Each structure stands twice: as structure tokens, then as C-alpha cells.
N, C-alpha and C. Protein backbone atom coordinates (compact mmCIF):
# COMPACT_ATOMS: atom_id res chain seq x y z
N UNK A 1 1.12 -0.97 -0.25
CA UNK A 1 0.11 0.05 -0.10
C UNK A 1 0.27 1.52 -0.07
N UNK A 2 0.68 2.01 -0.64
CA UNK A 2 1.30 3.14 -1.30
C UNK A 2 0.76 4.37 -0.02
N UNK A 3 1.25 5.73 -0.35
CA UNK A 3 0.69 6.91 0.33
C UNK A 3 -0.46 7.60 -0.75
N UNK A 4 -0.34 7.37 -1.12
CA UNK A 4 -1.68 7.83 -2.20
C UNK A 4 -2.33 7.08 -1.97
N UNK A 5 -2.92 6.12 -1.38
CA UNK A 5 -3.77 4.96 -1.11
C UNK A 5 -4.51 5.02 0.07
N UNK A 6 -3.12 5.12 0.76
CA UNK A 6 -3.90 5.70 2.66
C UNK A 6 -4.34 7.38 2.19
N UNK A 7 -3.58 7.75 1.54
CA UNK A 7 -4.42 8.98 1.43
C UNK A 7 -6.38 9.51 0.90
N UNK A 8 -5.66 8.52 0.12
CA UNK A 8 -7.06 8.10 -0.95
C UNK A 8 -8.21 8.10 0.10
N UNK A 9 -7.91 6.69 0.82
CA UNK A 9 -9.16 6.30 1.66
C UNK A 9 -9.29 7.13 2.59
N UNK A 10 -8.34 8.09 3.33
CA UNK A 10 -8.66 8.79 4.34
C UNK A 10 -9.49 9.69 3.65
N UNK A 11 -9.41 10.14 2.94
CA UNK A 11 -9.68 11.88 2.37
C UNK A 11 -11.55 11.21 2.15
N UNK A 12 -11.00 10.32 1.23
CA UNK A 12 -13.16 9.54 1.48
C UNK A 12 -13.32 8.94 2.46
N UNK A 13 -13.65 8.52 3.92
CA UNK A 13 -14.13 8.46 4.87
C UNK A 13 -14.32 9.68 4.92
N UNK A 14 -13.62 10.78 5.22
CA UNK A 14 -13.35 12.36 5.90
C UNK A 14 -14.68 12.96 4.90
N UNK A 15 -14.72 12.65 3.78
CA UNK A 15 -15.75 12.99 3.25
C UNK A 15 -16.92 12.50 3.09
N UNK A 16 -17.49 11.64 3.47
CA UNK A 16 -18.02 10.64 3.78
C UNK A 16 -19.08 11.10 5.20
N UNK A 17 -18.08 11.32 6.63
CA UNK A 17 -17.92 12.06 7.43
C UNK A 17 -18.79 13.04 7.53
N UNK A 18 -18.45 14.40 6.77
CA UNK A 18 -18.74 15.99 6.53
C UNK A 18 -20.05 15.57 5.99
N UNK A 19 -19.99 14.63 5.15
CA UNK A 19 -21.22 14.73 4.01
C UNK A 19 -22.81 14.65 4.81
N UNK A 20 -22.76 13.43 5.55
CA UNK A 20 -23.37 12.85 7.00
C UNK A 20 -23.70 13.97 7.56
N UNK A 21 -22.11 15.26 7.96
CA UNK A 21 -22.77 16.34 8.98
C UNK A 21 -23.60 16.70 8.58
N UNK A 22 -23.60 17.08 7.12
CA UNK A 22 -24.28 18.31 6.64
C UNK A 22 -25.64 18.07 6.30
N UNK A 23 -26.10 17.06 5.81
CA UNK A 23 -27.14 15.96 6.35
C UNK A 23 -28.54 16.25 7.41
N UNK A 24 -27.35 16.21 8.96
CA UNK A 24 -27.63 16.00 10.08
C UNK A 24 -27.78 17.58 9.88
N UNK A 25 -27.03 18.23 9.50
CA UNK A 25 -27.46 20.17 9.73
C UNK A 25 -28.04 20.75 9.21
N UNK A 26 -28.61 20.09 7.73
CA UNK A 26 -29.95 20.49 7.03
C UNK A 26 -28.51 21.22 5.65
N UNK A 27 -27.62 21.42 6.24
CA UNK A 27 -26.39 22.08 5.13
C UNK A 27 -26.31 21.52 3.91
N UNK A 28 -26.84 22.41 2.66
CA UNK A 28 -26.38 22.18 1.18
C UNK A 28 -24.63 21.97 1.19
N UNK A 29 -24.37 23.03 1.62
CA UNK A 29 -22.83 23.21 1.09
C UNK A 29 -21.97 22.31 1.78
N UNK A 30 -21.97 21.44 3.07
CA UNK A 30 -21.45 20.65 3.30
C UNK A 30 -21.60 19.36 3.08
N UNK A 31 -22.64 18.98 2.39
CA UNK A 31 -23.13 17.87 1.51
C UNK A 31 -21.72 17.89 0.18
N UNK A 32 -22.14 18.91 -0.02
CA UNK A 32 -21.69 19.03 -1.41
C UNK A 32 -20.01 18.84 -1.19
N UNK A 33 -19.24 19.75 -0.02
CA UNK A 33 -18.27 19.76 -0.27
C UNK A 33 -17.84 18.24 0.62
N UNK A 34 -18.25 17.37 1.29
CA UNK A 34 -17.76 15.86 1.26
C UNK A 34 -18.13 15.14 0.39
N UNK A 35 -19.41 15.38 -0.74
CA UNK A 35 -19.28 14.69 -1.88
C UNK A 35 -17.92 14.43 -2.84
N UNK A 36 -17.48 16.14 -2.92
CA UNK A 36 -16.37 16.75 -3.36
C UNK A 36 -15.23 15.73 -2.84
N UNK A 37 -15.52 15.85 -1.66
CA UNK A 37 -14.08 15.38 -1.28
C UNK A 37 -13.70 13.71 -1.58
N UNK A 38 -14.77 13.37 -1.05
CA UNK A 38 -15.07 11.33 -1.34
C UNK A 38 -14.81 10.95 -3.31
N UNK A 39 -14.96 12.27 -3.95
CA UNK A 39 -14.47 12.22 -5.42
C UNK A 39 -13.21 12.01 -5.48
N UNK A 40 -12.83 13.39 -4.71
CA UNK A 40 -11.38 13.46 -4.88
C UNK A 40 -10.32 12.44 -3.57
N UNK A 41 -10.75 11.57 -2.91
CA UNK A 41 -10.15 10.34 -2.33
C UNK A 41 -10.69 9.55 -3.27
N UNK A 42 -11.66 8.85 -3.81
CA UNK A 42 -11.64 7.44 -4.39
C UNK A 42 -10.36 8.00 -5.96
N UNK A 43 -10.40 9.30 -6.40
CA UNK A 43 -9.31 9.32 -7.79
C UNK A 43 -7.67 9.32 -7.11
N UNK A 44 -8.09 9.45 -5.52
CA UNK A 44 -6.44 9.71 -5.10
C UNK A 44 -5.74 8.27 -4.80
N UNK A 45 -6.97 7.04 -4.42
CA UNK A 45 -7.33 6.01 -4.28
C UNK A 45 -6.29 4.99 -4.89
N UNK A 46 -7.45 5.92 -6.60
CA UNK A 46 -7.13 4.83 -7.86
C UNK A 46 -5.66 5.29 -8.15
N UNK A 47 -5.39 5.91 -8.23
CA UNK A 47 -3.89 6.98 -8.73
C UNK A 47 -2.80 5.81 -8.20
N UNK A 48 -3.20 5.63 -6.61
CA UNK A 48 -1.80 4.79 -5.84
C UNK A 48 -2.58 3.67 -6.31
N UNK A 49 -3.72 3.38 -6.76
CA UNK A 49 -3.83 1.58 -6.63
C UNK A 49 -3.50 1.19 -8.22
N UNK A 50 -2.72 2.05 -9.27
CA UNK A 50 -2.08 2.67 -10.69
C UNK A 50 -1.29 2.29 -10.62
N UNK A 51 -0.45 3.27 -9.61
CA UNK A 51 0.90 2.94 -9.30
C UNK A 51 1.51 1.73 -8.73
N UNK A 52 0.89 1.08 -7.55
CA UNK A 52 0.48 -0.40 -7.69
C UNK A 52 0.52 -1.61 -8.60
N UNK A 53 -0.05 -1.24 -9.08
CA UNK A 53 -0.46 -1.99 -10.01
C UNK A 53 0.87 -2.53 -11.50
N UNK A 54 1.13 -1.07 -11.63
CA UNK A 54 2.69 -0.66 -12.81
C UNK A 54 4.01 -1.51 -11.57
N UNK A 55 3.94 -1.23 -10.12
CA UNK A 55 5.03 -1.46 -9.57
C UNK A 55 4.90 -2.99 -9.69
N UNK A 56 4.44 -3.92 -9.53
CA UNK A 56 4.08 -4.99 -9.18
C UNK A 56 4.22 -5.58 -11.15
N UNK A 57 3.85 -4.59 -12.16
CA UNK A 57 4.13 -5.53 -13.31
C UNK A 57 5.59 -5.27 -13.68
N UNK A 58 6.04 -4.13 -13.10
CA UNK A 58 7.25 -4.01 -14.01
C UNK A 58 8.61 -5.62 -13.07
N UNK A 59 8.30 -5.12 -11.69
CA UNK A 59 8.80 -6.09 -11.22
C UNK A 59 9.11 -7.45 -11.44
N UNK A 60 7.47 -7.95 -11.83
CA UNK A 60 7.64 -9.43 -12.28
C UNK A 60 8.10 -9.58 -13.60
N UNK A 61 8.22 -8.02 -14.56
CA UNK A 61 8.85 -8.52 -15.57
C UNK A 61 10.45 -9.49 -16.83
């Protein structure tokens, strides 16, 4: 697991929490920010996954 995967997962979880807080408080802005953070986190994790796959592929080549 690389730092992009970890940072992405943490950002995704933080976004989920922020979205839920927004729902509970009735803040559409916080919900939107939470969703944005989740998307960013998922993208960063996907980038980390791709880096790991490339590293593994070049190791076995």
C-alpha cells in the first residue's frame, strides 16, 4: 500500500463524515463539500492503485 492509497482512503472517509454532518445539520454546502472530498479521495486512491499495479507489473517483467 502506498501513500496515495492511504491518503485517498482517508479523504474518502472524511468526505463521508462531512456529507453526513451536512445532512444532519441541513447544510447543502457541507454535503456538497463532503461529496467533492469523496470524489477526490477515490481518484487519489485509484491513482495509488495504478501505481502499485505498475510497480508489480515491472517487478515481474
